[in-house]
N, C-alpha and C. Protein backbone atom coordinates (compact mmCIF):
# COMPACT_ATOMS: atom_id res chain seq x y z
N MET A 1 9.69 82.34 -26.55
CA MET A 1 10.71 81.40 -26.91
C MET A 1 10.28 80.63 -28.19
N LEU A 2 11.24 80.41 -29.06
CA LEU A 2 10.97 79.67 -30.29
C LEU A 2 10.62 78.23 -30.01
N ARG A 3 9.61 77.73 -30.73
CA ARG A 3 9.22 76.32 -30.57
C ARG A 3 10.43 75.43 -30.68
N THR A 4 10.45 74.36 -29.94
CA THR A 4 11.58 73.40 -29.93
C THR A 4 11.78 72.77 -31.27
N ASP A 5 10.67 72.35 -31.93
CA ASP A 5 10.85 71.66 -33.25
C ASP A 5 11.43 72.62 -34.25
N LEU A 6 11.12 73.86 -34.23
CA LEU A 6 11.66 74.82 -35.20
C LEU A 6 13.14 75.14 -34.90
N TRP A 7 13.43 75.34 -33.60
CA TRP A 7 14.86 75.54 -33.19
C TRP A 7 15.70 74.36 -33.56
N ALA A 8 15.25 73.11 -33.26
CA ALA A 8 16.00 71.92 -33.60
C ALA A 8 16.23 71.80 -35.10
N SER A 9 15.20 72.02 -35.91
CA SER A 9 15.27 71.96 -37.35
C SER A 9 16.36 72.93 -37.88
N ALA A 10 16.35 74.18 -37.38
CA ALA A 10 17.30 75.15 -37.80
C ALA A 10 18.74 74.78 -37.42
N PHE A 11 18.89 74.26 -36.19
CA PHE A 11 20.22 73.79 -35.69
C PHE A 11 20.76 72.65 -36.57
N VAL A 12 19.91 71.67 -36.82
CA VAL A 12 20.35 70.53 -37.68
C VAL A 12 20.72 71.01 -39.02
N ARG A 13 19.88 71.79 -39.67
CA ARG A 13 20.14 72.29 -41.01
C ARG A 13 21.42 73.12 -41.10
N ARG A 14 21.65 73.95 -40.12
CA ARG A 14 22.86 74.79 -40.14
C ARG A 14 24.11 73.90 -40.05
N HIS A 15 24.11 72.92 -39.18
CA HIS A 15 25.28 72.06 -39.06
C HIS A 15 25.47 71.17 -40.27
N ASN A 16 24.39 70.66 -40.79
CA ASN A 16 24.57 69.84 -42.03
C ASN A 16 25.04 70.69 -43.20
N ASP A 17 24.59 71.92 -43.30
CA ASP A 17 25.09 72.84 -44.31
C ASP A 17 26.57 73.12 -44.17
N LEU A 18 27.06 73.07 -42.90
CA LEU A 18 28.51 73.29 -42.63
C LEU A 18 29.32 72.00 -42.86
N GLY A 19 28.65 70.90 -43.19
CA GLY A 19 29.36 69.65 -43.43
C GLY A 19 29.51 68.78 -42.25
N HIS A 20 28.82 69.12 -41.12
CA HIS A 20 28.80 68.28 -39.96
C HIS A 20 27.60 67.37 -40.00
N LEU A 21 27.79 66.07 -39.77
CA LEU A 21 26.62 65.18 -39.68
C LEU A 21 25.87 65.54 -38.44
N CYS A 22 24.60 65.94 -38.58
CA CYS A 22 23.77 66.36 -37.45
C CYS A 22 22.41 65.74 -37.60
N VAL A 23 21.87 65.04 -36.57
CA VAL A 23 20.55 64.39 -36.64
C VAL A 23 19.86 64.62 -35.34
N VAL A 24 18.51 64.50 -35.44
CA VAL A 24 17.67 64.44 -34.23
C VAL A 24 17.60 63.02 -33.87
N ALA A 25 18.18 62.60 -32.73
CA ALA A 25 18.13 61.21 -32.29
C ALA A 25 16.88 60.90 -31.53
N ARG A 26 16.21 61.88 -30.95
CA ARG A 26 15.01 61.69 -30.21
C ARG A 26 14.16 62.95 -30.26
N ARG A 27 12.93 62.80 -30.62
CA ARG A 27 11.99 63.92 -30.62
C ARG A 27 11.16 63.89 -29.41
N GLY A 28 11.00 65.05 -28.83
CA GLY A 28 10.13 65.22 -27.68
C GLY A 28 9.03 66.14 -27.93
N ASP A 29 8.55 66.91 -27.01
CA ASP A 29 7.47 67.85 -27.17
C ASP A 29 7.85 68.88 -28.21
N PRO A 30 7.03 69.07 -29.26
CA PRO A 30 7.41 70.04 -30.32
C PRO A 30 7.38 71.51 -29.90
N ILE A 31 6.70 71.77 -28.79
CA ILE A 31 6.56 73.19 -28.46
C ILE A 31 7.53 73.59 -27.36
N ALA A 32 7.71 72.83 -26.31
CA ALA A 32 8.49 73.25 -25.19
C ALA A 32 9.47 72.18 -24.66
N GLY A 33 9.82 71.18 -25.43
CA GLY A 33 10.73 70.18 -24.99
C GLY A 33 12.12 70.71 -24.73
N GLN A 34 12.83 70.18 -23.71
CA GLN A 34 14.20 70.52 -23.45
C GLN A 34 15.08 69.82 -24.53
N ILE A 35 16.24 70.44 -24.80
CA ILE A 35 17.12 69.85 -25.80
C ILE A 35 18.45 69.52 -25.17
N PHE A 36 18.92 68.25 -25.35
CA PHE A 36 20.22 67.85 -25.00
C PHE A 36 21.01 67.68 -26.29
N LEU A 37 22.26 68.16 -26.35
CA LEU A 37 23.12 68.11 -27.50
C LEU A 37 24.31 67.19 -27.22
N GLU A 38 24.39 66.15 -27.99
CA GLU A 38 25.55 65.23 -27.86
C GLU A 38 26.50 65.49 -29.02
N VAL A 39 27.74 65.80 -28.62
CA VAL A 39 28.73 66.07 -29.65
C VAL A 39 29.69 64.88 -29.69
N ASP A 40 29.77 64.22 -30.88
CA ASP A 40 30.67 63.10 -31.12
C ASP A 40 31.92 63.73 -31.73
N HIS A 41 33.06 63.63 -31.02
CA HIS A 41 34.31 64.25 -31.46
C HIS A 41 35.06 63.37 -32.47
N LEU A 42 34.51 62.25 -32.84
CA LEU A 42 35.04 61.34 -33.81
C LEU A 42 36.44 60.80 -33.43
N ASN A 43 36.66 60.72 -32.11
CA ASN A 43 37.91 60.14 -31.59
C ASN A 43 37.67 59.23 -30.45
N GLY A 44 36.38 58.74 -30.32
CA GLY A 44 36.01 57.87 -29.24
C GLY A 44 35.49 58.62 -28.01
N THR A 45 35.40 59.90 -28.04
CA THR A 45 34.89 60.72 -26.93
C THR A 45 33.66 61.52 -27.40
N VAL A 46 32.81 61.84 -26.43
CA VAL A 46 31.66 62.70 -26.65
C VAL A 46 31.52 63.71 -25.59
N SER A 47 30.81 64.82 -25.90
CA SER A 47 30.51 65.84 -24.92
C SER A 47 28.99 65.98 -24.91
N LEU A 48 28.51 66.46 -23.80
CA LEU A 48 27.05 66.69 -23.62
C LEU A 48 26.77 68.07 -23.15
N PHE A 49 25.91 68.75 -23.92
CA PHE A 49 25.44 70.07 -23.55
C PHE A 49 23.99 69.96 -23.15
N THR A 50 23.58 70.57 -22.04
CA THR A 50 22.23 70.51 -21.56
C THR A 50 21.76 71.95 -21.35
N PRO A 51 20.42 72.11 -21.22
CA PRO A 51 19.94 73.47 -20.94
C PRO A 51 20.50 74.04 -19.66
N ALA A 52 20.86 75.25 -19.72
CA ALA A 52 21.42 75.97 -18.50
C ALA A 52 20.33 76.23 -17.55
N PRO A 53 20.63 76.20 -16.24
CA PRO A 53 19.60 76.58 -15.25
C PRO A 53 19.19 78.04 -15.46
N SER A 54 18.04 78.34 -15.03
CA SER A 54 17.51 79.73 -15.19
C SER A 54 18.41 80.77 -14.58
N ALA A 55 19.01 80.41 -13.41
CA ALA A 55 19.86 81.38 -12.70
C ALA A 55 21.14 81.71 -13.49
N ALA A 56 21.55 80.82 -14.37
CA ALA A 56 22.77 81.04 -15.18
C ALA A 56 22.52 81.76 -16.49
N ARG A 57 21.27 81.96 -16.79
CA ARG A 57 20.98 82.60 -18.08
C ARG A 57 21.27 84.09 -18.09
N THR A 58 21.62 84.65 -19.19
CA THR A 58 21.88 86.10 -19.32
C THR A 58 20.66 86.69 -19.96
N ASP A 59 20.64 88.00 -19.94
CA ASP A 59 19.48 88.71 -20.52
C ASP A 59 19.85 89.32 -21.86
N ASP A 60 20.53 88.54 -22.69
CA ASP A 60 21.07 89.08 -24.00
C ASP A 60 20.16 88.68 -25.18
N GLY A 61 18.99 88.15 -24.91
CA GLY A 61 18.11 87.80 -25.99
C GLY A 61 18.28 86.48 -26.60
N GLU A 62 19.23 85.61 -26.12
CA GLU A 62 19.38 84.29 -26.67
C GLU A 62 18.17 83.45 -26.31
N ASP A 63 17.69 82.69 -27.33
CA ASP A 63 16.47 81.92 -27.10
C ASP A 63 16.72 80.70 -26.23
N ARG A 64 17.91 80.04 -26.45
CA ARG A 64 18.27 78.87 -25.66
C ARG A 64 19.75 78.99 -25.27
N VAL A 65 19.96 78.70 -23.99
CA VAL A 65 21.27 78.81 -23.39
C VAL A 65 21.67 77.37 -22.85
N PHE A 66 22.88 77.02 -23.07
CA PHE A 66 23.34 75.63 -22.71
C PHE A 66 24.48 75.75 -21.76
N GLN A 67 24.73 74.56 -21.06
CA GLN A 67 25.93 74.43 -20.25
C GLN A 67 26.59 73.10 -20.63
N LEU A 68 27.91 73.06 -20.50
CA LEU A 68 28.61 71.83 -20.80
C LEU A 68 28.50 70.93 -19.60
N ARG A 69 27.91 69.77 -19.78
CA ARG A 69 27.73 68.80 -18.64
C ARG A 69 28.85 67.82 -18.58
N PHE A 70 29.22 67.28 -19.76
CA PHE A 70 30.38 66.33 -19.84
C PHE A 70 31.20 66.77 -21.02
N ASP A 71 32.52 66.80 -20.77
CA ASP A 71 33.44 67.21 -21.81
C ASP A 71 34.42 66.09 -22.19
N ARG A 72 34.25 65.55 -23.43
CA ARG A 72 35.13 64.56 -23.99
C ARG A 72 35.29 63.33 -23.06
N VAL A 73 34.17 62.72 -22.84
CA VAL A 73 34.11 61.49 -21.98
C VAL A 73 33.75 60.29 -22.84
N GLU A 74 33.80 59.11 -22.26
CA GLU A 74 33.42 57.90 -22.98
C GLU A 74 31.89 57.99 -23.28
N PRO A 75 31.48 57.48 -24.42
CA PRO A 75 30.10 57.57 -24.87
C PRO A 75 29.10 56.96 -23.90
N GLN A 76 29.48 55.91 -23.21
CA GLN A 76 28.57 55.22 -22.29
C GLN A 76 28.09 56.20 -21.17
N LYS A 77 28.98 57.06 -20.68
CA LYS A 77 28.61 57.97 -19.59
C LYS A 77 27.52 58.94 -20.12
N VAL A 78 27.65 59.42 -21.31
CA VAL A 78 26.65 60.33 -21.89
C VAL A 78 25.33 59.62 -22.12
N SER A 79 25.40 58.40 -22.66
CA SER A 79 24.23 57.63 -22.94
C SER A 79 23.45 57.34 -21.67
N GLU A 80 24.13 57.04 -20.55
CA GLU A 80 23.48 56.75 -19.29
C GLU A 80 22.82 57.99 -18.74
N ARG A 81 23.44 59.19 -18.93
CA ARG A 81 22.81 60.44 -18.43
C ARG A 81 21.63 60.76 -19.24
N ILE A 82 21.66 60.58 -20.54
CA ILE A 82 20.49 60.86 -21.38
C ILE A 82 19.37 59.90 -21.01
N ALA A 83 19.63 58.64 -20.82
CA ALA A 83 18.63 57.65 -20.48
C ALA A 83 17.93 57.99 -19.17
N ARG A 84 18.73 58.45 -18.13
CA ARG A 84 18.17 58.86 -16.87
C ARG A 84 17.21 60.06 -17.06
N GLU A 85 17.63 60.98 -17.88
CA GLU A 85 16.81 62.18 -18.13
C GLU A 85 15.55 61.83 -18.87
N GLN A 86 15.65 60.91 -19.80
CA GLN A 86 14.47 60.54 -20.58
C GLN A 86 13.38 59.86 -19.68
N ARG A 87 13.80 59.13 -18.70
CA ARG A 87 12.86 58.50 -17.72
C ARG A 87 12.13 59.57 -16.94
N PHE A 88 12.89 60.65 -16.65
CA PHE A 88 12.35 61.78 -15.86
C PHE A 88 11.47 62.74 -16.73
N ASP A 89 11.98 62.96 -17.98
CA ASP A 89 11.30 63.96 -18.90
C ASP A 89 11.03 63.32 -20.24
N PRO A 90 9.85 62.77 -20.41
CA PRO A 90 9.57 62.17 -21.75
C PRO A 90 9.48 63.13 -22.87
N ASP A 91 9.43 64.45 -22.60
CA ASP A 91 9.41 65.46 -23.70
C ASP A 91 10.76 65.87 -24.19
N LEU A 92 11.84 65.23 -23.71
CA LEU A 92 13.19 65.57 -24.03
C LEU A 92 13.51 65.31 -25.51
N TRP A 93 14.33 66.24 -26.08
CA TRP A 93 14.86 66.08 -27.43
C TRP A 93 16.37 65.75 -27.31
N VAL A 94 16.91 64.96 -28.17
CA VAL A 94 18.34 64.73 -28.21
C VAL A 94 18.80 64.96 -29.67
N ILE A 95 19.80 65.77 -29.82
CA ILE A 95 20.38 66.12 -31.12
C ILE A 95 21.81 65.67 -31.05
N VAL A 96 22.24 64.93 -32.04
CA VAL A 96 23.66 64.45 -32.10
C VAL A 96 24.33 65.14 -33.30
N VAL A 97 25.56 65.66 -33.04
CA VAL A 97 26.28 66.27 -34.09
C VAL A 97 27.74 65.73 -34.05
N GLU A 98 28.29 65.42 -35.21
CA GLU A 98 29.70 64.98 -35.30
C GLU A 98 30.52 66.28 -35.57
N LEU A 99 31.44 66.50 -34.65
CA LEU A 99 32.25 67.74 -34.76
C LEU A 99 33.60 67.51 -34.06
N ARG A 100 34.63 67.45 -34.83
CA ARG A 100 35.97 67.22 -34.24
C ARG A 100 36.31 68.39 -33.35
N ASN A 101 36.28 69.56 -33.89
CA ASN A 101 36.57 70.82 -33.18
C ASN A 101 35.63 71.89 -33.70
N GLY A 102 35.66 72.97 -33.05
CA GLY A 102 34.87 74.11 -33.54
C GLY A 102 33.71 74.50 -32.64
N ASP A 103 33.06 75.50 -33.11
CA ASP A 103 31.97 76.15 -32.32
C ASP A 103 30.64 75.55 -32.74
N LEU A 104 29.83 75.25 -31.70
CA LEU A 104 28.48 74.75 -32.02
C LEU A 104 27.52 75.91 -32.42
N GLY A 105 27.95 77.13 -32.24
CA GLY A 105 27.06 78.26 -32.54
C GLY A 105 25.98 78.47 -31.49
N LEU A 106 26.31 78.17 -30.24
CA LEU A 106 25.43 78.31 -29.12
C LEU A 106 25.96 79.23 -28.04
N LEU A 107 25.06 79.74 -27.26
CA LEU A 107 25.51 80.43 -26.05
C LEU A 107 25.66 79.38 -24.97
N VAL A 108 26.92 79.26 -24.50
CA VAL A 108 27.24 78.25 -23.47
C VAL A 108 27.69 79.03 -22.20
N VAL A 109 27.03 78.81 -21.07
CA VAL A 109 27.40 79.48 -19.83
C VAL A 109 28.24 78.50 -18.99
N PRO A 110 29.08 78.99 -18.14
CA PRO A 110 29.85 78.07 -17.26
C PRO A 110 28.86 77.17 -16.41
N GLY A 111 29.26 75.95 -16.22
CA GLY A 111 28.41 75.01 -15.39
C GLY A 111 28.63 75.05 -13.98
C-alpha cells in the first residue's frame, strides 16, 4: 500500500490542479494513517468519506477504497464524527475538498 503522506499529497495536488480547493486539515501517521475525506459542497452541506471495511474491498488493485458515511449533511455532524474518530485514532488524516458536484476520483463502495 502506498504511504499515506504520498497518497494524500497526490490527492490534494490533483484536486488543486482541477481548480478545487483541497487541503490537509489534519496530518496523522505518514506511513499507515487512515484518511477521512470531508467534501464541502459550498451550499451549507458536507459529505464524509471514510475508509471502507476490509470485507467491502474489491480485488481490483485500488490502493485505498472509501465508503460514503454522511451525504450532504450539516457540517456539525461531520465535525463531531471526525472528533470522535480522532480521540480513538490519533494517526488519522483529514483532507477537506471544496466540490459542488463531480467525481472525487476514488473507488467508493456501498456503505
